[in-house]
Amino acid sequence: MEHLSEILSFIGGLFAGWTLRIIVDKSKNSTTIRGNVAAGDIAGRDINKK
């Protein structure tokens, strides 16, 4: 019982780190285009031309 607070702190930190890692992994949004040939533009996401 004397180490209960340290054990709970460790488990809480482990859970927080795991949750943060999932959030960061989901926020990576990259588009890769390979081997495409076009006369104009190839847009992987939004293209704004004025």
PDB file of N, CA and C in Angstrom:
ATOM      1  N   MET A   1       0.806  -1.210   0.000  1.00  0.00           N
ATOM      2  CA  MET A   1       0.000   0.000   0.000  1.00  0.00           C
ATOM      3  C   MET A   1       0.846   1.271   0.000  1.00  0.00           C
ATOM      4  N   GLU A   2       2.075   1.161   0.407  1.00  0.00           N
ATOM      5  CA  GLU A   2       2.898   2.372   0.464  1.00  0.00           C
ATOM      6  C   GLU A   2       3.329   2.856  -0.920  1.00  0.00           C
ATOM      7  N   HIS A   3       3.280   1.988  -1.908  1.00  0.00           N
ATOM      8  CA  HIS A   3       3.676   2.375  -3.271  1.00  0.00           C
ATOM      9  C   HIS A   3       2.475   2.559  -4.187  1.00  0.00           C
ATOM     10  N   LEU A   4       1.277   2.596  -3.642  1.00  0.00           N
ATOM     11  CA  LEU A   4       0.067   2.678  -4.451  1.00  0.00           C
ATOM     12  C   LEU A   4       0.014   3.962  -5.282  1.00  0.00           C
ATOM     13  N   SER A   5       0.406   5.087  -4.706  1.00  0.00           N
ATOM     14  CA  SER A   5       0.348   6.352  -5.458  1.00  0.00           C
ATOM     15  C   SER A   5       1.339   6.349  -6.620  1.00  0.00           C
ATOM     16  N   GLU A   6       2.523   5.751  -6.422  1.00  0.00           N
ATOM     17  CA  GLU A   6       3.500   5.679  -7.509  1.00  0.00           C
ATOM     18  C   GLU A   6       3.014   4.754  -8.626  1.00  0.00           C
ATOM     19  N   ILE A   7       2.394   3.651  -8.242  1.00  0.00           N
ATOM     20  CA  ILE A   7       1.879   2.711  -9.244  1.00  0.00           C
ATOM     21  C   ILE A   7       0.759   3.362 -10.049  1.00  0.00           C
ATOM     22  N   LEU A   8      -0.164   4.031  -9.368  1.00  0.00           N
ATOM     23  CA  LEU A   8      -1.248   4.714 -10.071  1.00  0.00           C
ATOM     24  C   LEU A   8      -0.736   5.843 -10.950  1.00  0.00           C
ATOM     25  N   SER A   9       0.290   6.541 -10.502  1.00  0.00           N
ATOM     26  CA  SER A   9       0.885   7.603 -11.309  1.00  0.00           C
ATOM     27  C   SER A   9       1.532   7.033 -12.569  1.00  0.00           C
ATOM     28  N   PHE A  10       2.207   5.909 -12.426  1.00  0.00           N
ATOM     29  CA  PHE A  10       2.830   5.251 -13.577  1.00  0.00           C
ATOM     30  C   PHE A  10       1.778   4.807 -14.591  1.00  0.00           C
ATOM     31  N   ILE A  11       0.718   4.177 -14.113  1.00  0.00           N
ATOM     32  CA  ILE A  11      -0.345   3.706 -15.003  1.00  0.00           C
ATOM     33  C   ILE A  11      -1.031   4.893 -15.680  1.00  0.00           C
ATOM     34  N   GLY A  12      -1.268   5.968 -14.942  1.00  0.00           N
ATOM     35  CA  GLY A  12      -1.872   7.162 -15.534  1.00  0.00           C
ATOM     36  C   GLY A  12      -0.984   7.788 -16.598  1.00  0.00           C
ATOM     37  N   GLY A  13       0.314   7.861 -16.347  1.00  0.00           N
ATOM     38  CA  GLY A  13       1.249   8.398 -17.334  1.00  0.00           C
ATOM     39  C   GLY A  13       1.341   7.527 -18.570  1.00  0.00           C
ATOM     40  N   LEU A  14       1.312   6.226 -18.363  1.00  0.00           N
ATOM     41  CA  LEU A  14       1.351   5.290 -19.485  1.00  0.00           C
ATOM     42  C   LEU A  14       0.111   5.454 -20.364  1.00  0.00           C
ATOM     43  N   PHE A  15      -1.051   5.568 -19.728  1.00  0.00           N
ATOM     44  CA  PHE A  15      -2.296   5.747 -20.461  1.00  0.00           C
ATOM     45  C   PHE A  15      -2.309   7.088 -21.196  1.00  0.00           C
ATOM     46  N   ALA A  16      -1.828   8.162 -20.542  1.00  0.00           N
ATOM     47  CA  ALA A  16      -1.804   9.484 -21.171  1.00  0.00           C
ATOM     48  C   ALA A  16      -0.865   9.493 -22.379  1.00  0.00           C
ATOM     49  N   GLY A  17       0.284   8.862 -22.263  1.00  0.00           N
ATOM     50  CA  GLY A  17       1.225   8.788 -23.380  1.00  0.00           C
ATOM     51  C   GLY A  17       0.666   7.996 -24.540  1.00  0.00           C
ATOM     52  N   TRP A  18      -0.025   6.910 -24.247  1.00  0.00           N
ATOM     53  CA  TRP A  18      -0.637   6.087 -25.278  1.00  0.00           C
ATOM     54  C   TRP A  18      -1.733   6.864 -25.997  1.00  0.00           C
ATOM     55  N   THR A  19      -2.548   7.590 -25.245  1.00  0.00           N
ATOM     56  CA  THR A  19      -3.620   8.397 -25.839  1.00  0.00           C
ATOM     57  C   THR A  19      -3.042   9.511 -26.703  1.00  0.00           C
ATOM     58  N   LEU A  20      -2.015  10.189 -26.221  1.00  0.00           N
ATOM     59  CA  LEU A  20      -1.383  11.268 -26.988  1.00  0.00           C
ATOM     60  C   LEU A  20      -0.789  10.732 -28.276  1.00  0.00           C
ATOM     61  N   ARG A  21      -0.199   9.552 -28.235  1.00  0.00           N
ATOM     62  CA  ARG A  21       0.394   8.964 -29.431  1.00  0.00           C
ATOM     63  C   ARG A  21      -0.675   8.684 -30.481  1.00  0.00           C
ATOM     64  N   ILE A  22      -1.823   8.193 -30.073  1.00  0.00           N
ATOM     65  CA  ILE A  22      -2.910   7.923 -31.027  1.00  0.00           C
ATOM     66  C   ILE A  22      -3.406   9.225 -31.641  1.00  0.00           C
ATOM     67  N   ILE A  23      -3.525  10.269 -30.845  1.00  0.00           N
ATOM     68  CA  ILE A  23      -3.984  11.560 -31.366  1.00  0.00           C
ATOM     69  C   ILE A  23      -2.996  12.097 -32.395  1.00  0.00           C
ATOM     70  N   VAL A  24      -1.710  12.003 -32.105  1.00  0.00           N
ATOM     71  CA  VAL A  24      -0.681  12.500 -33.025  1.00  0.00           C
ATOM     72  C   VAL A  24      -0.666  11.662 -34.301  1.00  0.00           C
ATOM     73  N   ASP A  25      -0.803  10.346 -34.189  1.00  0.00           N
ATOM     74  CA  ASP A  25      -0.804   9.492 -35.374  1.00  0.00           C
ATOM     75  C   ASP A  25      -1.979   9.805 -36.291  1.00  0.00           C
ATOM     76  N   LYS A  26      -3.137  10.093 -35.728  1.00  0.00           N
ATOM     77  CA  LYS A  26      -4.300  10.398 -36.547  1.00  0.00           C
ATOM     78  C   LYS A  26      -4.199  11.771 -37.195  1.00  0.00           C
ATOM     79  N   SER A  27      -3.389  12.666 -36.635  1.00  0.00           N
ATOM     80  CA  SER A  27      -3.299  14.014 -37.191  1.00  0.00           C
ATOM     81  C   SER A  27      -2.352  14.086 -38.391  1.00  0.00           C
ATOM     82  N   LYS A  28      -1.577  13.054 -38.617  1.00  0.00           N
ATOM     83  CA  LYS A  28      -0.691  13.045 -39.786  1.00  0.00           C
ATOM     84  C   LYS A  28      -1.536  12.826 -41.024  1.00  0.00           C
ATOM     85  N   ASN A  29      -1.561  13.817 -41.876  1.00  0.00           N
ATOM     86  CA  ASN A  29      -2.393  13.751 -43.076  1.00  0.00           C
ATOM     87  C   ASN A  29      -1.515  14.113 -44.262  1.00  0.00           C
ATOM     88  N   SER A  30      -0.961  13.116 -44.900  1.00  0.00           N
ATOM     89  CA  SER A  30      -0.090  13.383 -46.039  1.00  0.00           C
ATOM     90  C   SER A  30      -0.592  12.620 -47.256  1.00  0.00           C
ATOM     91  N   THR A  31      -0.343  13.184 -48.401  1.00  0.00           N
ATOM     92  CA  THR A  31      -0.752  12.580 -49.661  1.00  0.00           C
ATOM     93  C   THR A  31       0.489  12.305 -50.487  1.00  0.00           C
ATOM     94  N   THR A  32       0.582  11.107 -51.015  1.00  0.00           N
ATOM     95  CA  THR A  32       1.720  10.732 -51.849  1.00  0.00           C
ATOM     96  C   THR A  32       1.197  10.378 -53.234  1.00  0.00           C
ATOM     97  N   ILE A  33       1.756  11.042 -54.229  1.00  0.00           N
ATOM     98  CA  ILE A  33       1.380  10.775 -55.620  1.00  0.00           C
ATOM     99  C   ILE A  33       2.638  10.328 -56.348  1.00  0.00           C
ATOM    100  N   ARG A  34       2.574   9.136 -56.950  1.00  0.00           N
ATOM    101  CA  ARG A  34       3.739   8.616 -57.668  1.00  0.00           C
ATOM    102  C   ARG A  34       3.316   8.105 -59.034  1.00  0.00           C
ATOM    103  N   GLY A  35       4.119   8.355 -60.014  1.00  0.00           N
ATOM    104  CA  GLY A  35       3.921   7.775 -61.337  1.00  0.00           C
ATOM    105  C   GLY A  35       2.757   8.335 -62.131  1.00  0.00           C
ATOM    106  N   ASN A  36       2.264   9.493 -61.793  1.00  0.00           N
ATOM    107  CA  ASN A  36       1.160  10.089 -62.545  1.00  0.00           C
ATOM    108  C   ASN A  36       1.697  11.096 -63.556  1.00  0.00           C
ATOM    109  N   VAL A  37       1.131  11.081 -64.739  1.00  0.00           N
ATOM    110  CA  VAL A  37       1.519  12.011 -65.784  1.00  0.00           C
ATOM    111  C   VAL A  37       0.279  12.817 -66.159  1.00  0.00           C
ATOM    112  N   ALA A  38       0.417  14.134 -66.142  1.00  0.00           N
ATOM    113  CA  ALA A  38      -0.716  14.995 -66.485  1.00  0.00           C
ATOM    114  C   ALA A  38      -0.205  16.238 -67.186  1.00  0.00           C
ATOM    115  N   ALA A  39      -1.045  16.771 -68.066  1.00  0.00           N
ATOM    116  CA  ALA A  39      -0.682  17.993 -68.760  1.00  0.00           C
ATOM    117  C   ALA A  39      -0.903  19.221 -67.880  1.00  0.00           C
ATOM    118  N   GLY A  40      -1.783  19.097 -66.891  1.00  0.00           N
ATOM    119  CA  GLY A  40      -2.097  20.226 -66.015  1.00  0.00           C
ATOM    120  C   GLY A  40      -1.632  19.959 -64.596  1.00  0.00           C
ATOM    121  N   ASP A  41      -2.523  20.221 -63.663  1.00  0.00           N
ATOM    122  CA  ASP A  41      -2.196  20.057 -62.248  1.00  0.00           C
ATOM    123  C   ASP A  41      -2.697  18.712 -61.731  1.00  0.00           C
ATOM    124  N   ILE A  42      -1.931  18.169 -60.806  1.00  0.00           N
ATOM    125  CA  ILE A  42      -2.380  17.009 -60.044  1.00  0.00           C
ATOM    126  C   ILE A  42      -2.502  17.481 -58.604  1.00  0.00           C
ATOM    127  N   ALA A  43      -3.712  17.444 -58.084  1.00  0.00           N
ATOM    128  CA  ALA A  43      -3.943  17.900 -56.718  1.00  0.00           C
ATOM    129  C   ALA A  43      -4.307  16.709 -55.846  1.00  0.00           C
ATOM    130  N   GLY A  44      -3.534  16.520 -54.789  1.00  0.00           N
ATOM    131  CA  GLY A  44      -3.836  15.454 -53.858  1.00  0.00           C
ATOM    132  C   GLY A  44      -4.902  15.838 -52.881  1.00  0.00           C
ATOM    133  N   ARG A  45      -5.114  17.105 -52.720  1.00  0.00           N
ATOM    134  CA  ARG A  45      -6.130  17.564 -51.783  1.00  0.00           C
ATOM    135  C   ARG A  45      -6.809  18.783 -52.392  1.00  0.00           C
ATOM    136  N   ASP A  46      -6.741  19.928 -51.763  1.00  0.00           N
ATOM    137  CA  ASP A  46      -7.386  21.131 -52.264  1.00  0.00           C
ATOM    138  C   ASP A  46      -6.407  21.912 -53.131  1.00  0.00           C
ATOM    139  N   ILE A  47      -6.919  22.443 -54.231  1.00  0.00           N
ATOM    140  CA  ILE A  47      -6.103  23.306 -55.080  1.00  0.00           C
ATOM    141  C   ILE A  47      -6.887  24.587 -55.311  1.00  0.00           C
ATOM    142  N   ASN A  48      -6.245  25.691 -55.063  1.00  0.00           N
ATOM    143  CA  ASN A  48      -6.861  27.012 -55.260  1.00  0.00           C
ATOM    144  C   ASN A  48      -6.034  27.784 -56.268  1.00  0.00           C
ATOM    145  N   LYS A  49      -6.594  28.040 -57.425  1.00  0.00           N
ATOM    146  CA  LYS A  49      -5.913  28.814 -58.452  1.00  0.00           C
ATOM    147  C   LYS A  49      -6.720  30.064 -58.723  1.00  0.00           C
ATOM    148  N   LYS A  50      -6.027  31.170 -58.789  1.00  0.00           N
ATOM    149  CA  LYS A  50      -6.698  32.429 -59.067  1.00  0.00           C
ATOM    150  C   LYS A  50      -6.169  33.057 -60.314  1.00  0.00           C
TER     151      LYS A  50
END
